[in-house]
Amino acid sequence: MKENIRVYVNDKLQKSKITLNRKQSHYLKNVMRVSLNDRICVFNEVDGEWTGVIRLLKKNCCEILIDSFTRSSDSFYDVWLLFAPVKQARLDYLAQKSCEMGVKKLWPIFTEYTQVKNINIDRIRSNLIEAAEQCGLTSIPSIADSKKFVHILNDWDNIFDDRSVIFCDERSSTKVFEALNTEKNKEQKKWAIVIGPEGGFSDSERSIIKEKNNSIGISLGPRVLRSDTAVVAALAAFQMIIGDWNN
C-alpha cells in the first residue's frame, strides 16, 4: 500500500484510467519504488483528491485506475502574494513556503531595486506542486504574469479593487499585530501582501503605496530579513491574526 504517495495531475479526475507523464512515471517507479497494484493518491485543484490502483508500470509509463474520491479541493483565504524575484535557490524556497502557507495567487513584480530580471515560471510551478504533494494539500497557487511594479502602482485601484493590501515596509514602525488585529480587518475577505526586493522599495514606490486608502504598512520586526524569510514571516502573521490559523 502506497496511499501516502501523492501525485498532482492535470487530467480530469473521475472513476477512469489515467496515464502519467514520463517524469511522474520515473518518479514513482525509480524513486518511490511502487509496484503493480499499489494504491496511490492523485489530485488537482479542480477535482480534489482521489485514490487509484497502479495497473501498468514501465520505465516511462504508468497507468492508474482511479476508483475512489477522497476529498474536495482545499479552500483557503483569498490572499495574493506580490513579490520581487530573488536568486533561484531562494525563489524555490519562496514558492514552496507560499504554497504551504495558503497563498491563492503568486505575482512576480519588478520594482526599481529588483536585481533578478529573469524568472522560470515552470520551475516555480514545479516547486508549488512538490510542496502540495508533500504537505497533503489539494490546491496550488495560480501564478500571474510578471509585471513592472510601476504599472501596478499606476493601475492600483483596478487591480486591487476591494482587496486590502499589506505593505511590508522595512522603514515602518507599525507593529504587525497593532495594524492587523482589528474587527474591520478580520471581516475583510480579500487580501494581498507585497514583499519587496532585498534592496527594499524606493522612496517613490513607498510614497505612492502609503497614499493608497486600502494599503496597510507594517513592520516585520527589528531585524532586516531576506525577502524569502519576509514572505514566511508576513504570511505567518497574516494567518495567525486574520487567516485560517485563527479559525
Protein backbone atom coordinates (compact mmCIF):
# COMPACT_ATOMS: atom_id res chain seq x y z
CA MET A 1 0.00 0.00 0.00
CA LYS A 2 1.39 3.42 -1.04
CA GLU A 3 -1.56 5.71 -0.37
CA ASN A 4 0.76 8.19 1.34
CA ILE A 5 2.25 8.88 -2.12
CA ARG A 6 0.50 11.83 -3.75
CA VAL A 7 0.81 12.94 -7.37
CA TYR A 8 -0.55 16.13 -8.92
CA VAL A 9 -2.17 15.58 -12.34
CA ASN A 10 -3.75 17.90 -14.89
CA ASP A 11 -6.19 15.25 -16.14
CA LYS A 12 -9.87 15.31 -15.30
CA LEU A 13 -10.18 13.15 -12.19
CA GLN A 14 -13.06 10.71 -12.01
CA LYS A 15 -13.56 6.96 -12.00
CA SER A 16 -11.45 6.19 -15.05
CA LYS A 17 -7.93 5.32 -16.17
CA ILE A 18 -5.20 7.96 -16.48
CA THR A 19 -1.65 7.75 -17.83
CA LEU A 20 1.04 9.70 -16.01
CA ASN A 21 3.73 11.58 -17.88
CA ARG A 22 7.30 10.34 -18.26
CA LYS A 23 8.70 12.35 -15.33
CA GLN A 24 5.96 11.22 -12.94
CA SER A 25 6.25 7.59 -14.06
CA HIS A 26 10.01 7.67 -13.47
CA TYR A 27 9.47 9.20 -10.03
CA LEU A 28 7.02 6.51 -8.95
CA LYS A 29 8.96 3.57 -10.33
CA ASN A 30 12.56 4.53 -9.57
CA VAL A 31 12.31 6.93 -6.63
CA MET A 32 9.27 5.79 -4.70
CA ARG A 33 9.66 2.13 -5.73
CA VAL A 34 5.98 1.50 -6.26
CA SER A 35 4.76 -1.84 -7.60
CA LEU A 36 1.82 -3.07 -9.64
CA ASN A 37 -1.46 -2.96 -7.69
CA ASP A 38 -0.16 -0.40 -5.19
CA ARG A 39 -2.66 2.32 -4.35
CA ILE A 40 -1.63 5.99 -4.57
CA CYS A 41 -3.35 9.38 -4.35
CA VAL A 42 -3.81 11.74 -7.28
CA PHE A 43 -5.19 15.27 -7.04
CA ASN A 44 -5.66 18.69 -8.56
CA GLU A 45 -7.30 21.94 -7.51
CA VAL A 46 -10.41 21.37 -9.66
CA ASP A 47 -11.40 17.77 -8.89
CA GLY A 48 -9.90 17.30 -5.43
CA GLU A 49 -8.14 14.14 -4.27
CA TRP A 50 -8.77 10.59 -5.48
CA THR A 51 -7.09 7.22 -4.98
CA GLY A 52 -6.38 4.59 -7.56
CA VAL A 53 -4.54 1.37 -8.32
CA ILE A 54 -1.42 1.11 -10.47
CA ARG A 55 -2.33 -1.19 -13.37
CA LEU A 56 0.64 -0.64 -15.68
CA LEU A 57 4.18 0.23 -14.63
CA LYS A 58 7.00 0.62 -17.14
CA LYS A 59 10.15 2.72 -17.31
CA ASN A 60 8.44 5.75 -18.80
CA CYS A 61 4.78 4.88 -18.46
CA CYS A 62 2.44 4.41 -15.52
CA GLU A 63 -1.30 3.85 -15.73
CA ILE A 64 -3.60 4.31 -12.76
CA LEU A 65 -7.16 3.09 -12.45
CA ILE A 66 -8.92 5.74 -10.35
CA ASP A 67 -11.72 4.29 -8.27
CA SER A 68 -12.31 6.34 -5.10
CA PHE A 69 -12.96 10.01 -4.32
CA THR A 70 -11.22 11.10 -1.10
CA ARG A 71 -11.90 14.81 -0.55
CA SER A 72 -12.61 18.13 -2.23
CA SER A 73 -10.08 20.81 -3.07
CA ASP A 74 -8.75 22.95 -0.24
CA SER A 75 -10.46 26.24 0.46
CA PHE A 76 -8.05 28.97 1.56
CA TYR A 77 -8.32 32.67 2.33
CA ASP A 78 -8.20 34.79 -0.80
CA VAL A 79 -4.70 36.17 -0.29
CA TRP A 80 -2.28 37.13 -3.06
CA LEU A 81 1.47 37.44 -2.70
CA LEU A 82 3.25 40.06 -4.78
CA PHE A 83 7.00 39.56 -4.55
CA ALA A 84 10.19 40.76 -6.15
CA PRO A 85 12.11 37.79 -7.63
CA VAL A 86 15.28 36.66 -5.87
CA LYS A 87 18.05 34.22 -6.76
CA GLN A 88 16.91 30.77 -7.84
CA ALA A 89 17.52 28.76 -4.66
CA ARG A 90 15.74 31.43 -2.61
CA LEU A 91 12.94 31.58 -5.16
CA ASP A 92 12.45 27.81 -4.90
CA TYR A 93 12.06 28.16 -1.14
CA LEU A 94 9.72 31.13 -1.51
CA ALA A 95 7.44 29.21 -3.86
CA GLN A 96 7.31 26.12 -1.67
CA LYS A 97 6.53 28.04 1.50
CA SER A 98 3.92 30.21 -0.21
CA CYS A 99 2.03 27.09 -1.20
CA GLU A 100 2.33 25.58 2.27
CA MET A 101 1.13 28.84 3.86
CA GLY A 102 -2.05 29.00 1.81
CA VAL A 103 -1.41 31.69 -0.83
CA LYS A 104 -4.03 31.77 -3.58
CA LYS A 105 -2.04 33.68 -6.20
CA LEU A 106 1.66 34.40 -6.71
CA TRP A 107 2.54 37.55 -8.63
CA PRO A 108 6.19 38.35 -9.50
CA ILE A 109 6.87 42.09 -9.64
CA PHE A 110 9.88 44.04 -10.82
CA THR A 111 10.50 47.01 -8.54
CA GLU A 112 13.09 49.74 -9.01
CA TYR A 113 15.66 47.85 -6.93
CA THR A 114 14.90 44.31 -8.13
CA GLN A 115 18.17 42.66 -9.18
CA VAL A 116 16.87 39.38 -10.65
CA LYS A 117 15.26 40.10 -14.01
CA ASN A 118 14.57 36.60 -15.33
CA ILE A 119 12.34 34.03 -13.68
CA ASN A 120 11.37 30.49 -14.65
CA ILE A 121 7.60 30.18 -14.23
CA ASP A 122 7.67 26.45 -14.98
CA ARG A 123 10.18 25.91 -12.17
CA ILE A 124 8.06 27.95 -9.76
CA ARG A 125 5.04 25.83 -10.64
CA SER A 126 7.05 22.63 -10.14
CA ASN A 127 8.00 23.80 -6.65
CA LEU A 128 4.38 24.61 -5.87
CA ILE A 129 3.29 21.14 -6.97
CA GLU A 130 6.04 19.45 -4.97
CA ALA A 131 5.04 21.35 -1.84
CA ALA A 132 1.38 20.40 -2.29
CA GLU A 133 2.25 16.74 -2.86
CA GLN A 134 4.39 16.55 0.27
CA CYS A 135 2.12 18.56 2.57
CA GLY A 136 -1.21 16.90 1.84
CA LEU A 137 -2.69 19.91 0.02
CA THR A 138 -5.10 19.59 -2.88
CA SER A 139 -4.69 23.10 -4.32
CA ILE A 140 -1.73 25.10 -5.57
CA PRO A 141 -1.49 28.87 -6.09
CA SER A 142 -2.05 30.32 -9.54
CA ILE A 143 0.83 32.36 -10.99
CA ALA A 144 0.20 35.74 -12.58
CA ASP A 145 2.42 37.03 -15.36
CA SER A 146 5.33 39.06 -14.03
CA LYS A 147 4.88 42.82 -14.23
CA LYS A 148 6.77 46.02 -13.55
CA PHE A 149 5.67 47.37 -10.20
CA VAL A 150 5.22 50.86 -11.63
CA HIS A 151 2.37 49.54 -13.80
CA ILE A 152 0.71 48.03 -10.74
CA LEU A 153 1.08 51.33 -8.87
CA ASN A 154 -0.47 53.21 -11.79
CA ASP A 155 -3.39 50.79 -12.06
CA TRP A 156 -3.70 50.09 -8.34
CA ASP A 157 -7.44 50.70 -7.92
CA ASN A 158 -8.42 48.44 -10.83
CA ILE A 159 -6.06 45.64 -9.81
CA PHE A 160 -6.88 45.53 -6.11
CA ASP A 161 -10.42 46.97 -6.16
CA ASP A 162 -11.95 45.87 -2.83
CA ARG A 163 -8.82 43.99 -1.74
CA SER A 164 -6.80 45.22 1.26
CA VAL A 165 -3.04 45.34 0.72
CA ILE A 166 -0.44 44.61 3.39
CA PHE A 167 2.69 46.57 2.57
CA CYS A 168 5.74 45.07 4.30
CA ASP A 169 7.92 48.12 4.79
CA GLU A 170 11.32 47.86 6.44
CA ARG A 171 11.06 51.54 7.44
CA SER A 172 7.67 51.21 9.11
CA SER A 173 7.40 51.44 12.89
CA THR A 174 3.87 49.99 12.95
CA LYS A 175 3.80 46.59 14.62
CA VAL A 176 2.05 43.89 12.64
CA PHE A 177 -0.40 42.91 15.42
CA GLU A 178 -1.38 46.54 16.00
CA ALA A 179 -2.03 47.06 12.29
CA LEU A 180 -3.92 43.87 11.50
CA ASN A 181 -5.69 42.86 14.71
CA THR A 182 -8.92 44.87 14.21
CA GLU A 183 -12.51 43.78 13.72
CA LYS A 184 -12.62 45.52 10.34
CA ASN A 185 -9.59 43.58 9.07
CA LYS A 186 -10.89 40.29 10.40
CA GLU A 187 -14.09 40.79 8.42
CA GLN A 188 -12.18 41.55 5.20
CA LYS A 189 -12.05 38.51 2.89
CA LYS A 190 -9.72 39.65 0.11
CA TRP A 191 -6.07 40.43 0.75
CA ALA A 192 -2.73 40.98 -0.93
CA ILE A 193 0.73 41.04 0.63
CA VAL A 194 3.54 42.99 -1.04
CA ILE A 195 7.16 41.99 -0.39
CA GLY A 196 9.97 43.99 -1.94
CA PRO A 197 13.47 43.01 -3.06
CA GLU A 198 16.40 42.65 -0.69
CA GLY A 199 17.33 46.23 -1.52
CA GLY A 200 13.95 47.42 -0.31
CA PHE A 201 11.46 49.73 -2.00
CA SER A 202 12.46 53.06 -3.48
CA ASP A 203 11.30 56.29 -1.86
CA SER A 204 8.90 56.97 -4.73
CA GLU A 205 7.37 53.48 -4.55
CA ARG A 206 6.96 53.76 -0.79
CA SER A 207 5.38 57.19 -1.07
CA ILE A 208 2.81 56.06 -3.65
CA ILE A 209 1.81 52.94 -1.68
CA LYS A 210 1.33 54.92 1.52
CA GLU A 211 -1.16 57.20 -0.24
CA LYS A 212 -3.47 54.30 -1.13
CA ASN A 213 -6.54 54.04 1.11
CA ASN A 214 -6.52 50.24 1.09
CA SER A 215 -2.83 49.80 1.98
CA ILE A 216 -1.65 48.84 5.46
CA GLY A 217 2.05 49.43 6.14
CA ILE A 218 3.61 47.07 8.65
CA SER A 219 6.97 46.25 10.16
CA LEU A 220 8.18 42.64 10.33
CA GLY A 221 10.29 43.32 13.38
CA PRO A 222 13.60 44.92 14.34
CA ARG A 223 15.80 42.75 12.12
CA VAL A 224 16.40 43.06 8.39
CA LEU A 225 15.01 39.92 6.74
CA ARG A 226 15.85 38.30 3.45
CA SER A 227 12.95 38.54 1.01
CA ASP A 228 12.12 34.84 1.21
CA THR A 229 12.20 34.97 5.02
CA ALA A 230 9.97 38.05 4.96
CA VAL A 231 7.42 36.10 2.91
CA VAL A 232 7.17 33.38 5.58
CA ALA A 233 7.06 35.94 8.41
CA ALA A 234 4.33 38.02 6.76
CA LEU A 235 2.19 35.00 5.88
CA ALA A 236 2.57 33.53 9.35
CA ALA A 237 1.43 36.81 10.93
CA PHE A 238 -1.47 37.10 8.50
CA GLN A 239 -2.69 33.54 9.03
CA MET A 240 -2.39 33.85 12.80
CA ILE A 241 -4.26 37.16 13.10
CA ILE A 242 -6.73 37.09 10.20
CA GLY A 243 -6.48 33.84 8.27
CA ASP A 244 -7.18 30.17 8.85
CA TRP A 245 -4.86 29.75 11.86
CA ASN A 246 -7.35 31.93 13.72
CA ASN A 247 -10.36 29.71 12.97
